[in-house]
Amino acid sequence: PEFISIALADWAEKHGIALEFIKPGKPTQNSYVERFNRTYRDEILNMYVFRNLTEVRQRTESWMAEYNDERPHDSLEDLTPWEYLARHQQTENSNQRCN
């Protein structure tokens, strides 16, 4: 990996989590995250001039709430992420009761 936080690596090891990395130059191996990052950059980082980190955090929190709670996503059957999660948790719970 090009960059990795030593603190992150230590935390992952302590919690028994194996970190996996995509190959350099292969963003398609991580397409969902790459798409999210592009959307965030287009809608927040490229749209505003921030004076400080607090402004970035406030705008990001607001955007994340809208992104997860209000905005339907094509990749999630035109549901918001929370609606999609709720639907699939219900399906999973129903399947567990049947087994």
PDB file of N, CA and C in Angstrom:
ATOM      1  N   PRO A   1       0.820  -1.205   0.000  1.00  0.00           N
ATOM      2  CA  PRO A   1       0.000   0.000   0.000  1.00  0.00           C
ATOM      3  C   PRO A   1       0.856   1.257   0.000  1.00  0.00           C
ATOM      4  N   GLU A   2       0.348   2.245  -0.695  1.00  0.00           N
ATOM      5  CA  GLU A   2       1.103   3.489  -0.825  1.00  0.00           C
ATOM      6  C   GLU A   2       1.216   4.212   0.507  1.00  0.00           C
ATOM      7  N   PHE A   3       0.084   4.365   1.198  1.00  0.00           N
ATOM      8  CA  PHE A   3       0.078   5.034   2.498  1.00  0.00           C
ATOM      9  C   PHE A   3      -0.715   4.181   3.476  1.00  0.00           C
ATOM     10  N   ILE A   4      -0.215   4.019   4.671  1.00  0.00           N
ATOM     11  CA  ILE A   4      -0.966   3.336   5.718  1.00  0.00           C
ATOM     12  C   ILE A   4      -0.540   3.924   7.057  1.00  0.00           C
ATOM     13  N   SER A   5      -1.525   4.187   7.853  1.00  0.00           N
ATOM     14  CA  SER A   5      -1.259   4.720   9.175  1.00  0.00           C
ATOM     15  C   SER A   5      -0.756   3.591  10.071  1.00  0.00           C
ATOM     16  N   ILE A   6       0.310   3.842  10.772  1.00  0.00           N
ATOM     17  CA  ILE A   6       0.824   2.861  11.721  1.00  0.00           C
ATOM     18  C   ILE A   6      -0.221   2.617  12.805  1.00  0.00           C
ATOM     19  N   ALA A   7      -0.913   3.683  13.209  1.00  0.00           N
ATOM     20  CA  ALA A   7      -1.960   3.538  14.232  1.00  0.00           C
ATOM     21  C   ALA A   7      -3.073   2.627  13.729  1.00  0.00           C
ATOM     22  N   LEU A   8      -3.459   2.772  12.457  1.00  0.00           N
ATOM     23  CA  LEU A   8      -4.499   1.910  11.886  1.00  0.00           C
ATOM     24  C   LEU A   8      -4.023   0.463  11.844  1.00  0.00           C
ATOM     25  N   ALA A   9      -2.814   0.244  11.382  1.00  0.00           N
ATOM     26  CA  ALA A   9      -2.267  -1.116  11.306  1.00  0.00           C
ATOM     27  C   ALA A   9      -2.206  -1.757  12.689  1.00  0.00           C
ATOM     28  N   ASP A  10      -1.769  -0.996  13.688  1.00  0.00           N
ATOM     29  CA  ASP A  10      -1.701  -1.515  15.057  1.00  0.00           C
ATOM     30  C   ASP A  10      -3.097  -1.845  15.583  1.00  0.00           C
ATOM     31  N   TRP A  11      -4.051  -0.944  15.349  1.00  0.00           N
ATOM     32  CA  TRP A  11      -5.427  -1.151  15.812  1.00  0.00           C
ATOM     33  C   TRP A  11      -6.013  -2.405  15.162  1.00  0.00           C
ATOM     34  N   ALA A  12      -5.830  -2.553  13.863  1.00  0.00           N
ATOM     35  CA  ALA A  12      -6.372  -3.712  13.149  1.00  0.00           C
ATOM     36  C   ALA A  12      -5.767  -5.007  13.689  1.00  0.00           C
ATOM     37  N   GLU A  13      -4.479  -5.017  13.894  1.00  0.00           N
ATOM     38  CA  GLU A  13      -3.820  -6.213  14.420  1.00  0.00           C
ATOM     39  C   GLU A  13      -4.343  -6.548  15.816  1.00  0.00           C
ATOM     40  N   LYS A  14      -4.467  -5.545  16.652  1.00  0.00           N
ATOM     41  CA  LYS A  14      -4.967  -5.738  18.023  1.00  0.00           C
ATOM     42  C   LYS A  14      -6.375  -6.336  18.036  1.00  0.00           C
ATOM     43  N   HIS A  15      -7.189  -5.979  17.025  1.00  0.00           N
ATOM     44  CA  HIS A  15      -8.568  -6.452  16.958  1.00  0.00           C
ATOM     45  C   HIS A  15      -8.753  -7.645  16.017  1.00  0.00           C
ATOM     46  N   GLY A  16      -7.657  -8.213  15.558  1.00  0.00           N
ATOM     47  CA  GLY A  16      -7.735  -9.400  14.716  1.00  0.00           C
ATOM     48  C   GLY A  16      -8.309  -9.139  13.338  1.00  0.00           C
ATOM     49  N   ILE A  17      -8.083  -7.946  12.824  1.00  0.00           N
ATOM     50  CA  ILE A  17      -8.612  -7.570  11.510  1.00  0.00           C
ATOM     51  C   ILE A  17      -7.460  -7.540  10.517  1.00  0.00           C
ATOM     52  N   ALA A  18      -7.627  -8.262   9.421  1.00  0.00           N
ATOM     53  CA  ALA A  18      -6.616  -8.261   8.370  1.00  0.00           C
ATOM     54  C   ALA A  18      -6.932  -7.140   7.386  1.00  0.00           C
ATOM     55  N   LEU A  19      -5.988  -6.258   7.175  1.00  0.00           N
ATOM     56  CA  LEU A  19      -6.160  -5.186   6.199  1.00  0.00           C
ATOM     57  C   LEU A  19      -5.871  -5.735   4.805  1.00  0.00           C
ATOM     58  N   GLU A  20      -6.740  -5.402   3.853  1.00  0.00           N
ATOM     59  CA  GLU A  20      -6.545  -5.816   2.468  1.00  0.00           C
ATOM     60  C   GLU A  20      -6.481  -4.566   1.610  1.00  0.00           C
ATOM     61  N   PHE A  21      -5.618  -4.571   0.633  1.00  0.00           N
ATOM     62  CA  PHE A  21      -5.405  -3.402  -0.199  1.00  0.00           C
ATOM     63  C   PHE A  21      -5.593  -3.763  -1.663  1.00  0.00           C
ATOM     64  N   ILE A  22      -6.096  -2.798  -2.425  1.00  0.00           N
ATOM     65  CA  ILE A  22      -6.205  -3.019  -3.857  1.00  0.00           C
ATOM     66  C   ILE A  22      -4.831  -2.852  -4.484  1.00  0.00           C
ATOM     67  N   LYS A  23      -4.664  -3.427  -5.651  1.00  0.00           N
ATOM     68  CA  LYS A  23      -3.400  -3.290  -6.358  1.00  0.00           C
ATOM     69  C   LYS A  23      -3.275  -1.858  -6.879  1.00  0.00           C
ATOM     70  N   PRO A  24      -2.069  -1.313  -6.862  1.00  0.00           N
ATOM     71  CA  PRO A  24      -1.879   0.042  -7.392  1.00  0.00           C
ATOM     72  C   PRO A  24      -2.355   0.133  -8.842  1.00  0.00           C
ATOM     73  N   GLY A  25      -3.065   1.206  -9.147  1.00  0.00           N
ATOM     74  CA  GLY A  25      -3.544   1.420 -10.510  1.00  0.00           C
ATOM     75  C   GLY A  25      -4.757   0.587 -10.870  1.00  0.00           C
ATOM     76  N   LYS A  26      -5.432  -0.010  -9.878  1.00  0.00           N
ATOM     77  CA  LYS A  26      -6.597  -0.865 -10.127  1.00  0.00           C
ATOM     78  C   LYS A  26      -7.816  -0.377  -9.334  1.00  0.00           C
ATOM     79  N   PRO A  27      -8.297   0.826  -9.603  1.00  0.00           N
ATOM     80  CA  PRO A  27      -9.425   1.348  -8.823  1.00  0.00           C
ATOM     81  C   PRO A  27     -10.704   0.535  -9.001  1.00  0.00           C
ATOM     82  N   THR A  28     -10.804  -0.245 -10.076  1.00  0.00           N
ATOM     83  CA  THR A  28     -12.007  -1.058 -10.270  1.00  0.00           C
ATOM     84  C   THR A  28     -12.127  -2.158  -9.213  1.00  0.00           C
ATOM     85  N   GLN A  29     -11.033  -2.476  -8.533  1.00  0.00           N
ATOM     86  CA  GLN A  29     -11.103  -3.464  -7.458  1.00  0.00           C
ATOM     87  C   GLN A  29     -11.807  -2.892  -6.228  1.00  0.00           C
ATOM     88  N   ASN A  30     -12.038  -1.595  -6.229  1.00  0.00           N
ATOM     89  CA  ASN A  30     -12.646  -0.919  -5.093  1.00  0.00           C
ATOM     90  C   ASN A  30     -13.644   0.121  -5.610  1.00  0.00           C
ATOM     91  N   SER A  31     -14.455  -0.267  -6.573  1.00  0.00           N
ATOM     92  CA  SER A  31     -15.264   0.689  -7.321  1.00  0.00           C
ATOM     93  C   SER A  31     -16.284   1.439  -6.468  1.00  0.00           C
ATOM     94  N   TYR A  32     -16.866   0.802  -5.456  1.00  0.00           N
ATOM     95  CA  TYR A  32     -17.860   1.487  -4.628  1.00  0.00           C
ATOM     96  C   TYR A  32     -17.231   2.637  -3.837  1.00  0.00           C
ATOM     97  N   VAL A  33     -16.077   2.384  -3.282  1.00  0.00           N
ATOM     98  CA  VAL A  33     -15.393   3.427  -2.520  1.00  0.00           C
ATOM     99  C   VAL A  33     -14.902   4.528  -3.456  1.00  0.00           C
ATOM    100  N   GLU A  34     -14.389   4.135  -4.620  1.00  0.00           N
ATOM    101  CA  GLU A  34     -13.927   5.133  -5.589  1.00  0.00           C
ATOM    102  C   GLU A  34     -15.083   6.020  -6.033  1.00  0.00           C
ATOM    103  N   ARG A  35     -16.251   5.443  -6.241  1.00  0.00           N
ATOM    104  CA  ARG A  35     -17.430   6.220  -6.647  1.00  0.00           C
ATOM    105  C   ARG A  35     -17.853   7.173  -5.527  1.00  0.00           C
ATOM    106  N   PHE A  36     -17.867   6.684  -4.299  1.00  0.00           N
ATOM    107  CA  PHE A  36     -18.209   7.532  -3.167  1.00  0.00           C
ATOM    108  C   PHE A  36     -17.234   8.710  -3.071  1.00  0.00           C
ATOM    109  N   ASN A  37     -15.944   8.421  -3.173  1.00  0.00           N
ATOM    110  CA  ASN A  37     -14.935   9.478  -3.076  1.00  0.00           C
ATOM    111  C   ASN A  37     -15.120  10.523  -4.170  1.00  0.00           C
ATOM    112  N   ARG A  38     -15.443  10.067  -5.388  1.00  0.00           N
ATOM    113  CA  ARG A  38     -15.667  11.015  -6.480  1.00  0.00           C
ATOM    114  C   ARG A  38     -16.881  11.892  -6.206  1.00  0.00           C
ATOM    115  N   THR A  39     -17.953  11.289  -5.722  1.00  0.00           N
ATOM    116  CA  THR A  39     -19.163  12.045  -5.415  1.00  0.00           C
ATOM    117  C   THR A  39     -18.885  13.068  -4.326  1.00  0.00           C
ATOM    118  N   TYR A  40     -18.193  12.649  -3.281  1.00  0.00           N
ATOM    119  CA  TYR A  40     -17.846  13.573  -2.187  1.00  0.00           C
ATOM    120  C   TYR A  40     -16.996  14.730  -2.701  1.00  0.00           C
ATOM    121  N   ARG A  41     -16.011  14.422  -3.514  1.00  0.00           N
ATOM    122  CA  ARG A  41     -15.143  15.475  -4.054  1.00  0.00           C
ATOM    123  C   ARG A  41     -15.957  16.443  -4.915  1.00  0.00           C
ATOM    124  N   ASP A  42     -16.811  15.911  -5.803  1.00  0.00           N
ATOM    125  CA  ASP A  42     -17.603  16.755  -6.697  1.00  0.00           C
ATOM    126  C   ASP A  42     -18.604  17.625  -5.937  1.00  0.00           C
ATOM    127  N   GLU A  43     -19.233  17.077  -4.914  1.00  0.00           N
ATOM    128  CA  GLU A  43     -20.324  17.776  -4.246  1.00  0.00           C
ATOM    129  C   GLU A  43     -19.908  18.585  -3.012  1.00  0.00           C
ATOM    130  N   ILE A  44     -18.746  18.324  -2.483  1.00  0.00           N
ATOM    131  CA  ILE A  44     -18.300  19.054  -1.294  1.00  0.00           C
ATOM    132  C   ILE A  44     -16.953  19.742  -1.538  1.00  0.00           C
ATOM    133  N   LEU A  45     -15.927  18.979  -1.737  1.00  0.00           N
ATOM    134  CA  LEU A  45     -14.582  19.558  -1.789  1.00  0.00           C
ATOM    135  C   LEU A  45     -14.385  20.521  -2.953  1.00  0.00           C
ATOM    136  N   ASN A  46     -15.002  20.233  -4.093  1.00  0.00           N
ATOM    137  CA  ASN A  46     -14.842  21.116  -5.250  1.00  0.00           C
ATOM    138  C   ASN A  46     -15.866  22.257  -5.281  1.00  0.00           C
ATOM    139  N   MET A  47     -16.846  22.229  -4.399  1.00  0.00           N
ATOM    140  CA  MET A  47     -17.924  23.222  -4.432  1.00  0.00           C
ATOM    141  C   MET A  47     -17.745  24.367  -3.434  1.00  0.00           C
ATOM    142  N   TYR A  48     -16.935  24.167  -2.416  1.00  0.00           N
ATOM    143  CA  TYR A  48     -16.819  25.149  -1.346  1.00  0.00           C
ATOM    144  C   TYR A  48     -15.365  25.505  -1.087  1.00  0.00           C
ATOM    145  N   VAL A  49     -15.168  26.712  -0.613  1.00  0.00           N
ATOM    146  CA  VAL A  49     -13.857  27.134  -0.114  1.00  0.00           C
ATOM    147  C   VAL A  49     -13.989  27.163   1.402  1.00  0.00           C
ATOM    148  N   PHE A  50     -13.248  26.309   2.060  1.00  0.00           N
ATOM    149  CA  PHE A  50     -13.330  26.182   3.512  1.00  0.00           C
ATOM    150  C   PHE A  50     -12.240  27.012   4.174  1.00  0.00           C
ATOM    151  N   ARG A  51     -12.595  27.656   5.273  1.00  0.00           N
ATOM    152  CA  ARG A  51     -11.618  28.453   6.017  1.00  0.00           C
ATOM    153  C   ARG A  51     -10.898  27.626   7.072  1.00  0.00           C
ATOM    154  N   ASN A  52     -11.543  26.536   7.504  1.00  0.00           N
ATOM    155  CA  ASN A  52     -10.921  25.715   8.538  1.00  0.00           C
ATOM    156  C   ASN A  52     -11.531  24.315   8.529  1.00  0.00           C
ATOM    157  N   LEU A  53     -10.941  23.442   9.290  1.00  0.00           N
ATOM    158  CA  LEU A  53     -11.373  22.051   9.344  1.00  0.00           C
ATOM    159  C   LEU A  53     -12.777  21.906   9.936  1.00  0.00           C
ATOM    160  N   THR A  54     -13.138  22.779  10.834  1.00  0.00           N
ATOM    161  CA  THR A  54     -14.480  22.741  11.427  1.00  0.00           C
ATOM    162  C   THR A  54     -15.548  22.922  10.355  1.00  0.00           C
ATOM    163  N   GLU A  55     -15.324  23.839   9.424  1.00  0.00           N
ATOM    164  CA  GLU A  55     -16.278  24.039   8.332  1.00  0.00           C
ATOM    165  C   GLU A  55     -16.390  22.795   7.460  1.00  0.00           C
ATOM    166  N   VAL A  56     -15.274  22.161   7.186  1.00  0.00           N
ATOM    167  CA  VAL A  56     -15.290  20.928   6.390  1.00  0.00           C
ATOM    168  C   VAL A  56     -16.111  19.866   7.118  1.00  0.00           C
ATOM    169  N   ARG A  57     -15.884  19.701   8.400  1.00  0.00           N
ATOM    170  CA  ARG A  57     -16.600  18.692   9.176  1.00  0.00           C
ATOM    171  C   ARG A  57     -18.095  18.965   9.216  1.00  0.00           C
ATOM    172  N   GLN A  58     -18.474  20.223   9.421  1.00  0.00           N
ATOM    173  CA  GLN A  58     -19.893  20.564   9.479  1.00  0.00           C
ATOM    174  C   GLN A  58     -20.577  20.309   8.141  1.00  0.00           C
ATOM    175  N   ARG A  59     -19.974  20.743   7.070  1.00  0.00           N
ATOM    176  CA  ARG A  59     -20.554  20.538   5.737  1.00  0.00           C
ATOM    177  C   ARG A  59     -20.618  19.045   5.420  1.00  0.00           C
ATOM    178  N   THR A  60     -19.588  18.315   5.809  1.00  0.00           N
ATOM    179  CA  THR A  60     -19.555  16.875   5.554  1.00  0.00           C
ATOM    180  C   THR A  60     -20.642  16.148   6.337  1.00  0.00           C
ATOM    181  N   GLU A  61     -20.829  16.490   7.598  1.00  0.00           N
ATOM    182  CA  GLU A  61     -21.879  15.848   8.405  1.00  0.00           C
ATOM    183  C   GLU A  61     -23.251  16.070   7.781  1.00  0.00           C
ATOM    184  N   SER A  62     -23.505  17.258   7.349  1.00  0.00           N
ATOM    185  CA  SER A  62     -24.769  17.595   6.714  1.00  0.00           C
ATOM    186  C   SER A  62     -24.953  16.804   5.425  1.00  0.00           C
ATOM    187  N   TRP A  63     -23.905  16.761   4.625  1.00  0.00           N
ATOM    188  CA  TRP A  63     -23.942  16.040   3.359  1.00  0.00           C
ATOM    189  C   TRP A  63     -24.135  14.536   3.579  1.00  0.00           C
ATOM    190  N   MET A  64     -23.438  13.987   4.574  1.00  0.00           N
ATOM    191  CA  MET A  64     -23.559  12.555   4.863  1.00  0.00           C
ATOM    192  C   MET A  64     -24.981  12.196   5.293  1.00  0.00           C
ATOM    193  N   ALA A  65     -25.602  13.054   6.085  1.00  0.00           N
ATOM    194  CA  ALA A  65     -26.982  12.799   6.505  1.00  0.00           C
ATOM    195  C   ALA A  65     -27.889  12.757   5.280  1.00  0.00           C
ATOM    196  N   GLU A  66     -27.733  13.715   4.398  1.00  0.00           N
ATOM    197  CA  GLU A  66     -28.544  13.729   3.178  1.00  0.00           C
ATOM    198  C   GLU A  66     -28.222  12.516   2.307  1.00  0.00           C
ATOM    199  N   TYR A  67     -26.962  12.197   2.167  1.00  0.00           N
ATOM    200  CA  TYR A  67     -26.517  11.081   1.321  1.00  0.00           C
ATOM    201  C   TYR A  67     -27.085   9.752   1.816  1.00  0.00           C
ATOM    202  N   ASN A  68     -27.099   9.544   3.119  1.00  0.00           N
ATOM    203  CA  ASN A  68     -27.550   8.268   3.677  1.00  0.00           C
ATOM    204  C   ASN A  68     -29.044   8.207   3.973  1.00  0.00           C
ATOM    205  N   ASP A  69     -29.651   9.344   4.314  1.00  0.00           N
ATOM    206  CA  ASP A  69     -31.041   9.335   4.771  1.00  0.00           C
ATOM    207  C   ASP A  69     -32.056   9.733   3.708  1.00  0.00           C
ATOM    208  N   GLU A  70     -31.654  10.550   2.754  1.00  0.00           N
ATOM    209  CA  GLU A  70     -32.629  11.126   1.829  1.00  0.00           C
ATOM    210  C   GLU A  70     -32.413  10.761   0.369  1.00  0.00           C
ATOM    211  N   ARG A  71     -31.200  10.502  -0.023  1.00  0.00           N
ATOM    212  CA  ARG A  71     -30.887  10.316  -1.440  1.00  0.00           C
ATOM    213  C   ARG A  71     -30.983   8.852  -1.875  1.00  0.00           C
ATOM    214  N   PRO A  72     -31.902   8.549  -2.800  1.00  0.00           N
ATOM    215  CA  PRO A  72     -31.932   7.192  -3.348  1.00  0.00           C
ATOM    216  C   PRO A  72     -30.675   6.932  -4.187  1.00  0.00           C
ATOM    217  N   HIS A  73     -30.223   5.694  -4.187  1.00  0.00           N
ATOM    218  CA  HIS A  73     -29.034   5.307  -4.935  1.00  0.00           C
ATOM    219  C   HIS A  73     -29.417   4.259  -5.971  1.00  0.00           C
ATOM    220  N   ASP A  74     -28.995   4.469  -7.203  1.00  0.00           N
ATOM    221  CA  ASP A  74     -29.284   3.509  -8.268  1.00  0.00           C
ATOM    222  C   ASP A  74     -28.805   2.114  -7.897  1.00  0.00           C
ATOM    223  N   SER A  75     -27.632   2.036  -7.311  1.00  0.00           N
ATOM    224  CA  SER A  75     -27.041   0.733  -6.995  1.00  0.00           C
ATOM    225  C   SER A  75     -27.751   0.022  -5.835  1.00  0.00           C
ATOM    226  N   LEU A  76     -28.671   0.720  -5.161  1.00  0.00           N
ATOM    227  CA  LEU A  76     -29.389   0.140  -4.021  1.00  0.00           C
ATOM    228  C   LEU A  76     -30.887   0.045  -4.321  1.00  0.00           C
ATOM    229  N   GLU A  77     -31.211  -0.281  -5.587  1.00  0.00           N
ATOM    230  CA  GLU A  77     -32.611  -0.460  -5.987  1.00  0.00           C
ATOM    231  C   GLU A  77     -33.414   0.827  -5.788  1.00  0.00           C
ATOM    232  N   ASP A  78     -32.784   1.970  -5.998  1.00  0.00           N
ATOM    233  CA  ASP A  78     -33.400   3.294  -5.819  1.00  0.00           C
ATOM    234  C   ASP A  78     -33.914   3.536  -4.407  1.00  0.00           C
ATOM    235  N   LEU A  79     -33.231   2.955  -3.435  1.00  0.00           N
ATOM    236  CA  LEU A  79     -33.520   3.201  -2.023  1.00  0.00           C
ATOM    237  C   LEU A  79     -32.384   4.018  -1.434  1.00  0.00           C
ATOM    238  N   THR A  80     -32.655   4.666  -0.295  1.00  0.00           N
ATOM    239  CA  THR A  80     -31.562   5.296   0.432  1.00  0.00           C
ATOM    240  C   THR A  80     -30.760   4.176   1.105  1.00  0.00           C
ATOM    241  N   PRO A  81     -29.536   4.440   1.497  1.00  0.00           N
ATOM    242  CA  PRO A  81     -28.779   3.397   2.199  1.00  0.00           C
ATOM    243  C   PRO A  81     -29.502   2.873   3.445  1.00  0.00           C
ATOM    244  N   TRP A  82     -30.135   3.753   4.211  1.00  0.00           N
ATOM    245  CA  TRP A  82     -30.844   3.295   5.409  1.00  0.00           C
ATOM    246  C   TRP A  82     -32.057   2.440   5.056  1.00  0.00           C
ATOM    247  N   GLU A  83     -32.788   2.815   3.997  1.00  0.00           N
ATOM    248  CA  GLU A  83     -33.933   2.008   3.566  1.00  0.00           C
ATOM    249  C   GLU A  83     -33.469   0.632   3.096  1.00  0.00           C
ATOM    250  N   TYR A  84     -32.377   0.619   2.346  1.00  0.00           N
ATOM    251  CA  TYR A  84     -31.826  -0.633   1.840  1.00  0.00           C
ATOM    252  C   TYR A  84     -31.400  -1.542   2.995  1.00  0.00           C
ATOM    253  N   LEU A  85     -30.709  -0.962   3.961  1.00  0.00           N
ATOM    254  CA  LEU A  85     -30.276  -1.727   5.135  1.00  0.00           C
ATOM    255  C   LEU A  85     -31.476  -2.302   5.877  1.00  0.00           C
ATOM    256  N   ALA A  86     -32.494  -1.478   6.106  1.00  0.00           N
ATOM    257  CA  ALA A  86     -33.677  -1.941   6.834  1.00  0.00           C
ATOM    258  C   ALA A  86     -34.366  -3.073   6.083  1.00  0.00           C
ATOM    259  N   ARG A  87     -34.494  -2.940   4.776  1.00  0.00           N
ATOM    260  CA  ARG A  87     -35.146  -3.983   3.984  1.00  0.00           C
ATOM    261  C   ARG A  87     -34.378  -5.297   4.072  1.00  0.00           C
ATOM    262  N   HIS A  88     -33.071  -5.220   3.962  1.00  0.00           N
ATOM    263  CA  HIS A  88     -32.267  -6.441   3.967  1.00  0.00           C
ATOM    264  C   HIS A  88     -32.105  -7.033   5.364  1.00  0.00           C
ATOM    265  N   GLN A  89     -32.183  -6.228   6.387  1.00  0.00           N
ATOM    266  CA  GLN A  89     -32.183  -6.776   7.741  1.00  0.00           C
ATOM    267  C   GLN A  89     -33.487  -7.525   7.994  1.00  0.00           C
ATOM    268  N   GLN A  90     -34.605  -7.004   7.490  1.00  0.00           N
ATOM    269  CA  GLN A  90     -35.888  -7.691   7.633  1.00  0.00           C
ATOM    270  C   GLN A  90     -35.851  -9.029   6.918  1.00  0.00           C
ATOM    271  N   THR A  91     -35.290  -9.045   5.706  1.00  0.00           N
ATOM    272  CA  THR A  91     -35.175 -10.284   4.934  1.00  0.00           C
ATOM    273  C   THR A  91     -34.291 -11.290   5.669  1.00  0.00           C
ATOM    274  N   GLU A  92     -33.173 -10.811   6.195  1.00  0.00           N
ATOM    275  CA  GLU A  92     -32.256 -11.687   6.930  1.00  0.00           C
ATOM    276  C   GLU A  92     -32.922 -12.251   8.178  1.00  0.00           C
ATOM    277  N   ASN A  93     -33.652 -11.403   8.906  1.00  0.00           N
ATOM    278  CA  ASN A  93     -34.361 -11.869  10.103  1.00  0.00           C
ATOM    279  C   ASN A  93     -35.428 -12.889   9.745  1.00  0.00           C
ATOM    280  N   SER A  94     -36.137 -12.691   8.656  1.00  0.00           N
ATOM    281  CA  SER A  94     -37.151 -13.646   8.209  1.00  0.00           C
ATOM    282  C   SER A  94     -36.506 -14.972   7.852  1.00  0.00           C
ATOM    283  N   ASN A  95     -35.373 -14.923   7.181  1.00  0.00           N
ATOM    284  CA  ASN A  95     -34.666 -16.147   6.802  1.00  0.00           C
ATOM    285  C   ASN A  95     -34.163 -16.895   8.025  1.00  0.00           C
ATOM    286  N   GLN A  96     -33.730 -16.183   9.050  1.00  0.00           N
ATOM    287  CA  GLN A  96     -33.236 -16.832  10.266  1.00  0.00           C
ATOM    288  C   GLN A  96     -34.378 -17.535  11.003  1.00  0.00           C
ATOM    289  N   ARG A  97     -35.573 -16.952  10.987  1.00  0.00           N
ATOM    290  CA  ARG A  97     -36.720 -17.579  11.658  1.00  0.00           C
ATOM    291  C   ARG A  97     -37.157 -18.847  10.937  1.00  0.00           C
ATOM    292  N   CYS A  98     -36.956 -18.879   9.609  1.00  0.00           N
ATOM    293  CA  CYS A  98     -37.377 -20.037   8.830  1.00  0.00           C
ATOM    294  C   CYS A  98     -36.418 -21.207   8.979  1.00  0.00           C
ATOM    295  N   ASN A  99     -35.196 -20.957   9.381  1.00  0.00           N
ATOM    296  CA  ASN A  99     -34.190 -22.034   9.469  1.00  0.00           C
ATOM    297  C   ASN A  99     -34.200 -22.701  10.795  1.00  0.00           C
TER     298      ASN A  99
END
